[in-house]
Protein backbone atom coordinates (compact mmCIF):
# COMPACT_ATOMS: atom_id res chain seq x y z
CA MET A 1 31.91 16.16 -93.09
CA GLU A 2 33.77 18.01 -90.32
CA GLY A 3 36.70 18.68 -92.64
CA LEU A 4 34.44 20.22 -95.24
CA LEU A 5 32.58 22.45 -92.80
CA SER A 6 35.44 23.57 -90.59
CA PRO A 7 36.82 26.32 -92.89
CA SER A 8 33.41 27.96 -93.16
CA GLU A 9 32.48 27.95 -89.46
CA ILE A 10 33.90 31.34 -88.46
CA PRO A 11 32.66 33.12 -91.62
CA THR A 12 29.23 31.57 -91.05
CA GLY A 13 29.27 32.83 -87.47
CA ALA A 14 30.02 36.32 -88.81
CA VAL A 15 27.07 36.12 -91.19
CA LEU A 16 24.79 34.96 -88.36
CA SER A 17 25.88 38.01 -86.36
CA GLN A 18 24.57 40.58 -88.84
CA GLN A 19 22.11 43.25 -87.74
CA HIS A 20 19.85 43.34 -90.80
CA HIS A 21 17.15 40.69 -91.17
CA SER A 22 17.96 40.08 -94.84
CA TRP A 23 21.08 38.11 -93.87
CA TYR A 24 18.85 35.40 -92.42
CA LYS A 25 16.37 35.13 -95.29
CA GLU A 26 17.32 31.73 -96.76
CA ALA A 27 19.49 30.07 -94.12
CA ASP A 28 16.81 27.99 -92.37
CA LYS A 29 17.35 24.84 -94.45
CA TYR A 30 21.11 25.12 -93.98
CA ILE A 31 20.70 25.38 -90.20
CA GLU A 32 18.31 22.39 -90.16
CA VAL A 33 20.70 20.21 -92.16
CA LEU A 34 23.69 21.35 -90.14
CA ALA A 35 21.94 20.61 -86.84
CA GLU A 36 21.12 17.10 -88.01
CA ALA A 37 24.27 16.21 -89.95
CA SER A 38 26.94 17.98 -87.92
CA PRO A 39 25.74 19.38 -84.58
CA GLN A 40 29.35 19.89 -83.43
CA SER A 41 29.98 22.18 -86.38
CA LEU A 42 26.79 24.11 -85.61
CA GLN A 43 27.94 24.60 -82.02
CA ARG A 44 31.33 25.90 -83.18
CA ILE A 45 29.52 28.33 -85.51
CA LEU A 46 27.37 29.48 -82.61
CA ASP A 47 30.52 29.90 -80.49
CA SER A 48 31.83 32.42 -83.04
CA ILE A 49 28.72 34.62 -83.11
CA ASP A 50 29.05 38.26 -82.05
CA ILE A 51 26.36 38.65 -79.37
CA LYS A 52 25.79 42.40 -79.82
CA GLY A 53 25.22 42.17 -83.56
CA ALA A 54 23.19 38.99 -83.27
CA GLU A 55 20.88 40.46 -80.65
CA ILE A 56 19.87 43.28 -82.99
CA GLY A 57 19.74 41.12 -86.12
CA TRP A 58 17.91 38.21 -84.53
CA ALA A 59 15.28 40.50 -82.99
CA ASN A 60 14.83 42.22 -86.38
CA ALA A 61 14.45 38.85 -88.09
CA LEU A 62 11.89 37.60 -85.57
CA SER A 63 9.92 40.84 -86.02
CA HIS A 64 10.15 40.68 -89.80
CA GLY A 65 8.76 37.16 -90.24
CA GLY A 66 9.13 34.82 -93.22
CA GLY A 67 12.49 33.25 -93.98
CA PRO A 68 14.45 35.40 -91.54
CA LYS A 69 12.09 34.43 -88.71
CA ARG A 70 12.37 30.71 -89.56
CA THR A 71 16.17 30.89 -89.53
CA VAL A 72 16.41 32.77 -86.25
CA ALA A 73 13.78 30.58 -84.58
CA LEU A 74 16.04 27.60 -85.36
CA LEU A 75 19.05 29.49 -83.99
CA VAL A 76 17.20 30.42 -80.80
CA GLU A 77 16.13 26.79 -80.37
CA SER A 78 19.74 25.65 -80.92
CA CYS A 79 21.01 28.09 -78.26
CA ILE A 80 18.29 27.98 -75.63
CA ASP A 81 20.03 25.38 -73.43
CA ARG A 82 23.48 26.96 -73.61
CA GLU A 83 24.94 28.29 -70.37
CA ASP A 84 26.72 31.28 -71.91
CA LYS A 85 25.90 34.74 -73.27
CA LEU A 86 24.41 33.25 -76.43
CA GLY A 87 22.11 31.09 -74.29
CA GLU A 88 21.10 34.20 -72.35
CA LEU A 89 20.34 35.95 -75.64
CA ALA A 90 18.21 33.02 -76.78
CA LYS A 91 16.26 33.10 -73.51
CA ARG A 92 15.71 36.88 -73.79
CA LEU A 93 14.44 36.51 -77.34
CA ARG A 94 12.19 33.60 -76.35
CA ARG A 95 10.61 35.80 -73.66
CA ARG A 96 10.29 38.76 -76.03
CA PHE A 97 9.01 36.72 -79.01
CA PRO A 98 7.33 33.69 -77.41
CA LYS A 99 5.61 32.47 -80.57
CA SER A 100 7.90 33.53 -83.39
CA SER A 101 11.06 32.26 -81.67
CA ILE A 102 9.79 28.67 -81.67
CA PRO A 103 10.48 26.86 -84.95
CA ARG A 104 7.41 25.46 -86.57
CA LYS A 105 7.43 21.81 -87.44
CA GLY A 106 8.33 20.99 -91.00
CA LYS A 107 6.24 18.73 -93.19
CA LYS A 108 8.41 15.71 -92.35
CA GLU A 109 8.02 16.30 -88.59
CA GLN A 110 4.26 16.85 -88.91
CA LEU A 111 3.97 13.65 -90.90
CA HIS A 112 6.04 11.74 -88.34
CA GLN A 113 3.90 13.10 -85.50
CA LYS A 114 0.67 12.07 -87.24
CA THR A 115 1.92 8.56 -87.94
CA HIS A 116 3.38 8.22 -84.44
CA ASN A 117 0.07 9.19 -82.83
CA LYS A 118 -1.84 6.74 -84.98
CA ALA A 119 0.59 3.93 -84.27
CA ASN A 120 -0.03 4.38 -80.55
CA SER A 121 -3.81 4.19 -80.87
CA ALA A 122 -5.83 1.11 -79.91
CA ASP A 123 -6.50 0.18 -83.50
CA ALA A 124 -2.94 0.50 -84.79
CA LYS A 125 -3.28 -2.57 -87.01
CA SER A 126 -6.16 -1.08 -88.93
CA ARG A 127 -4.15 2.10 -89.41
CA ALA A 128 -1.19 0.41 -91.10
CA ALA A 129 -2.65 1.24 -94.49
CA ASP A 130 -2.89 4.90 -93.45
CA TYR A 131 0.78 4.86 -92.51
CA GLU A 132 1.72 3.54 -95.93
CA GLY A 133 -0.33 6.33 -97.48
CA TYR A 134 1.49 8.93 -95.38
CA ALA A 135 4.84 7.43 -96.32
CA THR A 136 3.92 7.63 -99.99
CA LYS A 137 2.83 11.28 -99.59
CA ALA A 138 6.04 12.07 -97.71
CA THR A 139 8.13 10.61 -100.52
CA LYS A 140 6.29 12.81 -103.01
CA ILE A 141 6.64 15.93 -100.80
CA ILE A 142 10.32 15.41 -100.19
């Protein structure tokens, strides 16, 4: 996977440094998959981001909402623990946009949370059938 992603890391960083919110419209799924499948590649992409452009573009995207907001919320979350200028940017944006800079849970995560909570309840055995129902719904959703 690394070999496939490596050539596109710097160009992706340039795209994620753009000032207009439209550049971020449909990248949320890509960022999610990248964070799960190749977190090292995502970090190298983040390393190549131009902070000045990103600060303007990310703030515009968080203000705009929709797809751009979802993408940038994932980027902020991915950068929030960094100890560099990008981490500082993420922290500034989190303070400025406390709600919109936090990624909302996807359907899979919501489903996992529901089933996890039920499994921990006192009557977990009686809830096994519920879990199977959720798993079936998840398969249909995905």
